[in-house]
Amino acid sequence: MAAIRRLAIALLALSALAAAITAVLWGAALAGLAHTSVIATDAMRPAFVTGDLVVSTPVPAAELRPGDIISLPIAGATQLVTERVIEISRLPDGEWSIIARSDEAEPAVAAEHIVGARAWQPTVRVPVVGGVAAAVLEPQVGLPLLALFGALVAAAMLWRGPRSTAERPA
């Protein structure tokens, strides 16, 4: 029983660490300091592959060059899409026109994005984690994991550790 309790406490500690990292990333997104996204395709290979979690930070649009990889907002959504800059030019109103595409093998997929003084550029890549995070958000995976988390809490709280010799009856 003590081994189960120790295992439950260790798994709860890992869950707490994951929750703390998530809270920091969420706070950074709210403050406009960083934005996280999950790479959906292998189009940016070898830099990024499907399932990578990417943390993008703002960079001045004036510093971007063709060949740079950036994360851009999708029209009407809160998600970012990661693409390679093909061409960038300053517009008369101070904004920037960025022609980007997600796959170098298909130039026809290039699209124009209009951004202000800054754009998002991936600065941290965490392999596989994005795919795991996306899977956990699916009910068929997330609900059983939530039940397992509840069982771990119960195991850690209800099962007592070994008694000391002073507590044992004579």
Protein backbone atom coordinates (compact mmCIF):
# COMPACT_ATOMS: atom_id res chain seq x y z
CA MET A 1 0.00 0.00 0.00
CA ALA A 2 2.86 2.38 0.77
CA ALA A 3 4.24 1.88 -2.75
CA ILE A 4 0.87 2.78 -4.29
CA ARG A 5 0.70 5.89 -2.12
CA ARG A 6 4.24 6.94 -3.14
CA LEU A 7 3.41 6.38 -6.80
CA ALA A 8 0.21 8.41 -6.45
CA ILE A 9 2.11 11.28 -4.79
CA ALA A 10 4.80 11.22 -7.51
CA LEU A 11 2.18 11.31 -10.29
CA LEU A 12 0.33 14.13 -8.51
CA ALA A 13 3.60 16.08 -8.25
CA LEU A 14 4.15 15.67 -12.01
CA SER A 15 0.56 16.81 -12.62
CA ALA A 16 1.16 19.86 -10.42
CA LEU A 17 4.32 20.70 -12.39
CA ALA A 18 2.42 20.42 -15.69
CA ALA A 19 -0.36 22.63 -14.28
CA ALA A 20 2.19 25.24 -13.12
CA ILE A 21 3.85 25.37 -16.56
CA THR A 22 0.43 25.65 -18.18
CA ALA A 23 -0.49 28.53 -15.84
CA VAL A 24 2.73 30.38 -16.69
CA LEU A 25 2.16 29.96 -20.45
CA TRP A 26 -1.47 31.02 -20.10
CA GLY A 27 -0.44 34.11 -18.12
CA ALA A 28 2.21 34.96 -20.73
CA ALA A 29 -0.44 34.67 -23.46
CA LEU A 30 -2.80 36.98 -21.58
CA ALA A 31 0.01 39.50 -21.10
CA GLY A 32 0.90 39.37 -24.81
CA LEU A 33 4.38 38.00 -24.11
CA ALA A 34 4.02 34.55 -25.69
CA HIS A 35 1.58 32.38 -27.56
CA THR A 36 1.52 28.59 -27.71
CA SER A 37 0.39 26.48 -30.63
CA VAL A 38 0.58 22.88 -31.77
CA ILE A 39 2.16 22.07 -35.12
CA ALA A 40 -0.54 20.33 -37.17
CA THR A 41 1.49 19.11 -40.17
CA ASP A 42 5.03 18.13 -41.14
CA ALA A 43 5.24 21.05 -43.61
CA MET A 44 7.93 22.83 -41.53
CA ARG A 45 10.12 19.74 -41.26
CA PRO A 46 12.90 19.46 -40.07
CA ALA A 47 12.48 22.50 -37.79
CA PHE A 48 9.02 21.42 -36.57
CA VAL A 49 7.04 18.19 -36.90
CA THR A 50 3.43 17.25 -36.22
CA GLY A 51 2.62 17.31 -32.51
CA ASP A 52 5.34 19.73 -31.44
CA LEU A 53 4.30 22.38 -28.93
CA VAL A 54 5.71 25.74 -30.00
CA VAL A 55 6.01 28.86 -27.88
CA SER A 56 6.09 31.95 -30.09
CA THR A 57 7.22 35.36 -28.90
CA PRO A 58 6.73 38.73 -30.56
CA VAL A 59 9.46 40.05 -32.84
CA PRO A 60 9.57 43.32 -34.79
CA ALA A 61 8.22 42.73 -38.29
CA ALA A 62 11.08 44.86 -39.64
CA GLU A 63 13.56 42.15 -38.55
CA LEU A 64 11.89 39.34 -40.53
CA ARG A 65 13.58 38.05 -43.67
CA PRO A 66 12.54 35.55 -46.37
CA GLY A 67 13.12 32.03 -45.07
CA ASP A 68 12.22 32.89 -41.45
CA ILE A 69 9.57 30.75 -39.80
CA ILE A 70 6.76 32.72 -38.17
CA SER A 71 3.42 32.00 -36.52
CA LEU A 72 0.48 33.96 -37.89
CA PRO A 73 -3.14 34.19 -36.78
CA ILE A 74 -5.72 32.32 -38.82
CA ALA A 75 -8.56 34.59 -39.97
CA GLY A 76 -11.45 34.41 -37.51
CA ALA A 77 -9.67 32.07 -35.07
CA THR A 78 -7.47 32.33 -32.01
CA GLN A 79 -5.00 29.72 -33.27
CA LEU A 80 -1.72 30.52 -34.98
CA VAL A 81 -0.44 28.75 -38.07
CA THR A 82 3.30 28.30 -38.55
CA GLU A 83 4.58 29.25 -42.00
CA ARG A 84 7.78 30.21 -43.81
CA VAL A 85 8.22 33.83 -44.96
CA ILE A 86 8.54 34.08 -48.74
CA GLU A 87 8.39 37.85 -49.09
CA ILE A 88 7.91 40.78 -46.72
CA SER A 89 7.26 44.43 -47.51
CA ARG A 90 6.29 47.53 -45.58
CA LEU A 91 2.94 49.07 -46.49
CA PRO A 92 2.37 52.85 -46.65
CA ASP A 93 0.21 52.80 -43.50
CA GLY A 94 3.05 51.30 -41.41
CA GLU A 95 1.76 47.73 -41.45
CA TRP A 96 3.61 44.85 -43.08
CA SER A 97 2.57 42.52 -45.87
CA ILE A 98 3.97 39.03 -45.37
CA ILE A 99 3.68 36.41 -48.10
CA ALA A 100 4.12 33.06 -46.43
CA ARG A 101 3.46 29.41 -47.12
CA SER A 102 3.41 26.30 -45.04
CA ASP A 103 5.07 23.96 -47.53
CA GLU A 104 8.01 24.87 -49.76
CA ALA A 105 7.07 22.11 -52.20
CA GLU A 106 3.79 23.83 -53.10
CA PRO A 107 4.25 27.53 -53.97
CA ALA A 108 0.56 27.80 -54.85
CA VAL A 109 -0.32 27.58 -51.14
CA ALA A 110 1.33 30.95 -50.38
CA ALA A 111 -0.94 33.51 -48.74
CA GLU A 112 -0.66 37.17 -47.81
CA HIS A 113 -0.92 38.21 -44.17
CA ILE A 114 -1.09 41.81 -43.00
CA VAL A 115 0.52 42.41 -39.59
CA GLY A 116 1.30 45.43 -37.50
CA ALA A 117 4.70 46.35 -36.11
CA ARG A 118 5.26 42.88 -34.69
CA ALA A 119 4.78 39.27 -35.63
CA TRP A 120 5.05 36.00 -33.70
CA GLN A 121 8.14 33.86 -34.16
CA PRO A 122 8.58 30.38 -32.65
CA THR A 123 11.33 30.53 -30.03
CA VAL A 124 10.81 27.33 -28.03
CA ARG A 125 9.96 23.89 -29.40
CA VAL A 126 8.84 21.07 -27.13
CA PRO A 127 8.66 17.81 -29.11
CA VAL A 128 5.55 15.57 -28.82
CA VAL A 129 3.98 17.54 -25.94
CA GLY A 130 1.54 19.37 -28.21
CA GLY A 131 0.10 16.14 -29.54
CA VAL A 132 -0.32 14.82 -26.01
CA ALA A 133 -1.96 18.08 -24.88
CA ALA A 134 -4.35 18.02 -27.84
CA ALA A 135 -5.23 14.38 -27.14
CA VAL A 136 -5.97 15.12 -23.47
CA LEU A 137 -8.53 17.71 -24.57
CA GLU A 138 -10.51 15.03 -26.41
CA PRO A 139 -13.29 13.64 -24.14
CA GLN A 140 -12.47 9.99 -24.86
CA VAL A 141 -8.97 10.56 -23.44
CA GLY A 142 -9.50 13.45 -21.03
CA LEU A 143 -12.38 11.99 -19.02
CA PRO A 144 -10.61 8.71 -18.16
CA LEU A 145 -7.50 10.72 -17.23
CA LEU A 146 -9.62 12.93 -14.98
CA ALA A 147 -11.02 9.81 -13.28
CA LEU A 148 -7.46 8.48 -12.87
CA PHE A 149 -6.40 11.81 -11.36
CA GLY A 150 -9.26 11.54 -8.84
CA ALA A 151 -8.16 8.01 -7.95
CA LEU A 152 -4.60 9.26 -7.42
CA VAL A 153 -5.84 11.99 -5.09
CA ALA A 154 -7.85 9.42 -3.16
CA ALA A 155 -4.86 7.07 -2.96
CA ALA A 156 -2.58 9.82 -1.72
CA MET A 157 -5.05 11.08 0.88
CA LEU A 158 -6.72 7.92 2.15
CA TRP A 159 -3.95 5.39 2.37
CA ARG A 160 -1.80 6.06 5.32
CA GLY A 161 1.92 5.69 5.27
CA PRO A 162 3.70 3.13 7.45
CA ARG A 163 3.10 3.56 11.18
CA SER A 164 6.01 4.38 13.41
CA THR A 165 6.90 1.94 16.19
CA ALA A 166 5.57 4.42 18.78
CA GLU A 167 2.04 4.18 17.26
CA ARG A 168 1.83 0.39 17.17
CA PRO A 169 -0.14 -1.26 19.97
CA ALA A 170 1.92 -3.35 22.40
